[in-house]
Amino acid sequence: MQIDARRCCASWLKNLRLVCEAVQYGSFWNMRNLEIDNITDLQALAPSPYRRGETFKVRTGKVDDYVNYLAPETVSDVDRRMQEKLPEFYGYGSQPERG
């Protein structure tokens, strides 16, 4: 069986391009811009008219930064719901470790 190197390389490059596009789409600044532009047309996700940093849902781009904005009881409630509702396939089902 002979492998067509050009086709193999073209396929790899196509996949690499798709991965790069997905990473760029999920970037902090793109997520912030999507929120600013209200790309979802959902009022609950619409940006505040004040446009201050704290009013954005995408605030700092730091993992777990929400704990600086939510009450500890709210964080515990969200953690509990995620453990109950989201599949183990995605890494849920065991208690998350908080530092």
C-alpha atoms as a PDB file:
ATOM      1  CA  MET A   1       0.000   0.000   0.000  1.00  0.00           C
ATOM      2  CA  GLN A   2       1.479   3.303  -1.073  1.00  0.00           C
ATOM      3  CA  ILE A   3       0.743   6.476   0.856  1.00  0.00           C
ATOM      4  CA  ASP A   4       0.145   9.609  -1.145  1.00  0.00           C
ATOM      5  CA  ALA A   5       2.360  12.051   0.759  1.00  0.00           C
ATOM      6  CA  ARG A   6       0.780  15.119  -0.820  1.00  0.00           C
ATOM      7  CA  ARG A   7      -2.725  14.060   0.139  1.00  0.00           C
ATOM      8  CA  CYS A   8      -1.600  13.123   3.629  1.00  0.00           C
ATOM      9  CA  CYS A   9       0.165  16.489   4.067  1.00  0.00           C
ATOM     10  CA  ALA A  10      -2.808  18.407   2.665  1.00  0.00           C
ATOM     11  CA  SER A  11      -5.139  16.626   5.080  1.00  0.00           C
ATOM     12  CA  TRP A  12      -2.836  17.356   8.013  1.00  0.00           C
ATOM     13  CA  LEU A  13      -2.583  21.031   7.059  1.00  0.00           C
ATOM     14  CA  LYS A  14      -6.358  21.284   6.706  1.00  0.00           C
ATOM     15  CA  ASN A  15      -6.808  19.828  10.207  1.00  0.00           C
ATOM     16  CA  LEU A  16      -4.135  22.141  11.576  1.00  0.00           C
ATOM     17  CA  ARG A  17      -5.910  25.126  10.035  1.00  0.00           C
ATOM     18  CA  LEU A  18      -9.212  24.050  11.629  1.00  0.00           C
ATOM     19  CA  VAL A  19      -7.542  23.700  15.036  1.00  0.00           C
ATOM     20  CA  CYS A  20      -5.935  27.134  14.682  1.00  0.00           C
ATOM     21  CA  GLU A  21      -9.292  28.664  13.732  1.00  0.00           C
ATOM     22  CA  ALA A  22     -10.981  27.024  16.739  1.00  0.00           C
ATOM     23  CA  VAL A  23      -8.269  28.273  19.107  1.00  0.00           C
ATOM     24  CA  GLN A  24      -8.543  31.789  17.713  1.00  0.00           C
ATOM     25  CA  TYR A  25     -12.346  31.721  17.954  1.00  0.00           C
ATOM     26  CA  GLY A  26     -12.125  30.703  21.610  1.00  0.00           C
ATOM     27  CA  SER A  27      -9.541  33.347  22.475  1.00  0.00           C
ATOM     28  CA  PHE A  28     -10.262  35.762  25.292  1.00  0.00           C
ATOM     29  CA  TRP A  29     -10.399  38.809  23.035  1.00  0.00           C
ATOM     30  CA  ASN A  30     -12.682  37.143  20.513  1.00  0.00           C
ATOM     31  CA  MET A  31     -15.051  36.028  23.275  1.00  0.00           C
ATOM     32  CA  ARG A  32     -15.048  39.602  24.628  1.00  0.00           C
ATOM     33  CA  ASN A  33     -15.769  41.003  21.158  1.00  0.00           C
ATOM     34  CA  LEU A  34     -18.600  38.506  20.606  1.00  0.00           C
ATOM     35  CA  GLU A  35     -20.108  39.664  23.881  1.00  0.00           C
ATOM     36  CA  ILE A  36     -19.705  43.352  22.962  1.00  0.00           C
ATOM     37  CA  ASP A  37     -21.385  42.710  19.607  1.00  0.00           C
ATOM     38  CA  ASN A  38     -24.137  40.655  21.336  1.00  0.00           C
ATOM     39  CA  ILE A  39     -23.651  37.942  18.728  1.00  0.00           C
ATOM     40  CA  THR A  40     -26.198  35.658  20.473  1.00  0.00           C
ATOM     41  CA  ASP A  41     -29.020  38.229  20.469  1.00  0.00           C
ATOM     42  CA  LEU A  42     -29.932  36.955  23.944  1.00  0.00           C
ATOM     43  CA  GLN A  43     -30.798  39.704  26.412  1.00  0.00           C
ATOM     44  CA  ALA A  44     -29.317  37.707  29.313  1.00  0.00           C
ATOM     45  CA  LEU A  45     -25.951  37.647  27.534  1.00  0.00           C
ATOM     46  CA  ALA A  46     -26.124  41.186  26.182  1.00  0.00           C
ATOM     47  CA  PRO A  47     -23.406  43.570  27.355  1.00  0.00           C
ATOM     48  CA  SER A  48     -24.235  46.147  29.972  1.00  0.00           C
ATOM     49  CA  PRO A  49     -24.736  49.666  28.670  1.00  0.00           C
ATOM     50  CA  TYR A  50     -22.064  50.805  31.164  1.00  0.00           C
ATOM     51  CA  ARG A  51     -19.310  48.793  29.416  1.00  0.00           C
ATOM     52  CA  ARG A  52     -17.054  48.648  32.481  1.00  0.00           C
ATOM     53  CA  GLY A  53     -14.731  45.686  32.905  1.00  0.00           C
ATOM     54  CA  GLU A  54     -16.763  44.175  35.746  1.00  0.00           C
ATOM     55  CA  THR A  55     -19.970  44.234  33.710  1.00  0.00           C
ATOM     56  CA  PHE A  56     -18.645  41.820  31.065  1.00  0.00           C
ATOM     57  CA  LYS A  57     -19.271  38.101  31.379  1.00  0.00           C
ATOM     58  CA  VAL A  58     -15.798  37.639  29.867  1.00  0.00           C
ATOM     59  CA  ARG A  59     -13.882  39.697  32.423  1.00  0.00           C
ATOM     60  CA  THR A  60     -10.229  38.787  32.863  1.00  0.00           C
ATOM     61  CA  GLY A  61      -9.540  35.578  31.002  1.00  0.00           C
ATOM     62  CA  LYS A  62      -8.324  33.919  34.223  1.00  0.00           C
ATOM     63  CA  VAL A  63      -9.441  30.436  35.207  1.00  0.00           C
ATOM     64  CA  ASP A  64     -11.767  30.393  38.237  1.00  0.00           C
ATOM     65  CA  ASP A  65     -11.881  34.209  38.430  1.00  0.00           C
ATOM     66  CA  TYR A  66     -15.628  33.952  38.996  1.00  0.00           C
ATOM     67  CA  VAL A  67     -14.927  33.205  42.677  1.00  0.00           C
ATOM     68  CA  ASN A  68     -13.879  36.853  42.993  1.00  0.00           C
ATOM     69  CA  TYR A  69     -17.326  37.983  41.819  1.00  0.00           C
ATOM     70  CA  LEU A  70     -19.738  35.433  43.300  1.00  0.00           C
ATOM     71  CA  ALA A  71     -20.662  34.712  46.903  1.00  0.00           C
ATOM     72  CA  PRO A  72     -19.170  31.471  48.294  1.00  0.00           C
ATOM     73  CA  GLU A  73     -22.702  30.031  48.607  1.00  0.00           C
ATOM     74  CA  THR A  74     -23.342  30.695  44.921  1.00  0.00           C
ATOM     75  CA  VAL A  75     -20.053  29.048  43.930  1.00  0.00           C
ATOM     76  CA  SER A  76     -20.927  25.991  46.038  1.00  0.00           C
ATOM     77  CA  ASP A  77     -24.395  25.801  44.496  1.00  0.00           C
ATOM     78  CA  VAL A  78     -23.017  26.031  40.946  1.00  0.00           C
ATOM     79  CA  ASP A  79     -20.335  23.409  41.732  1.00  0.00           C
ATOM     80  CA  ARG A  80     -22.991  21.060  43.158  1.00  0.00           C
ATOM     81  CA  ARG A  81     -25.258  21.491  40.142  1.00  0.00           C
ATOM     82  CA  MET A  82     -22.413  20.864  37.718  1.00  0.00           C
ATOM     83  CA  GLN A  83     -21.469  17.674  39.563  1.00  0.00           C
ATOM     84  CA  GLU A  84     -25.082  16.489  39.435  1.00  0.00           C
ATOM     85  CA  LYS A  85     -26.025  17.478  35.904  1.00  0.00           C
ATOM     86  CA  LEU A  86     -22.936  17.348  33.696  1.00  0.00           C
ATOM     87  CA  PRO A  87     -21.573  14.022  32.421  1.00  0.00           C
ATOM     88  CA  GLU A  88     -18.437  12.423  33.821  1.00  0.00           C
ATOM     89  CA  PHE A  89     -17.201  12.288  30.234  1.00  0.00           C
ATOM     90  CA  TYR A  90     -16.419  16.000  30.549  1.00  0.00           C
ATOM     91  CA  GLY A  91     -14.622  15.612  33.851  1.00  0.00           C
ATOM     92  CA  TYR A  92     -17.547  16.093  36.209  1.00  0.00           C
ATOM     93  CA  GLY A  93     -18.885  13.721  38.804  1.00  0.00           C
ATOM     94  CA  SER A  94     -16.217  14.136  41.466  1.00  0.00           C
ATOM     95  CA  GLN A  95     -15.855  17.119  43.758  1.00  0.00           C
ATOM     96  CA  PRO A  96     -13.635  19.849  42.290  1.00  0.00           C
ATOM     97  CA  GLU A  97     -10.608  20.892  44.290  1.00  0.00           C
ATOM     98  CA  ARG A  98     -10.521  24.506  45.400  1.00  0.00           C
ATOM     99  CA  GLY A  99      -7.338  26.090  46.596  1.00  0.00           C
END
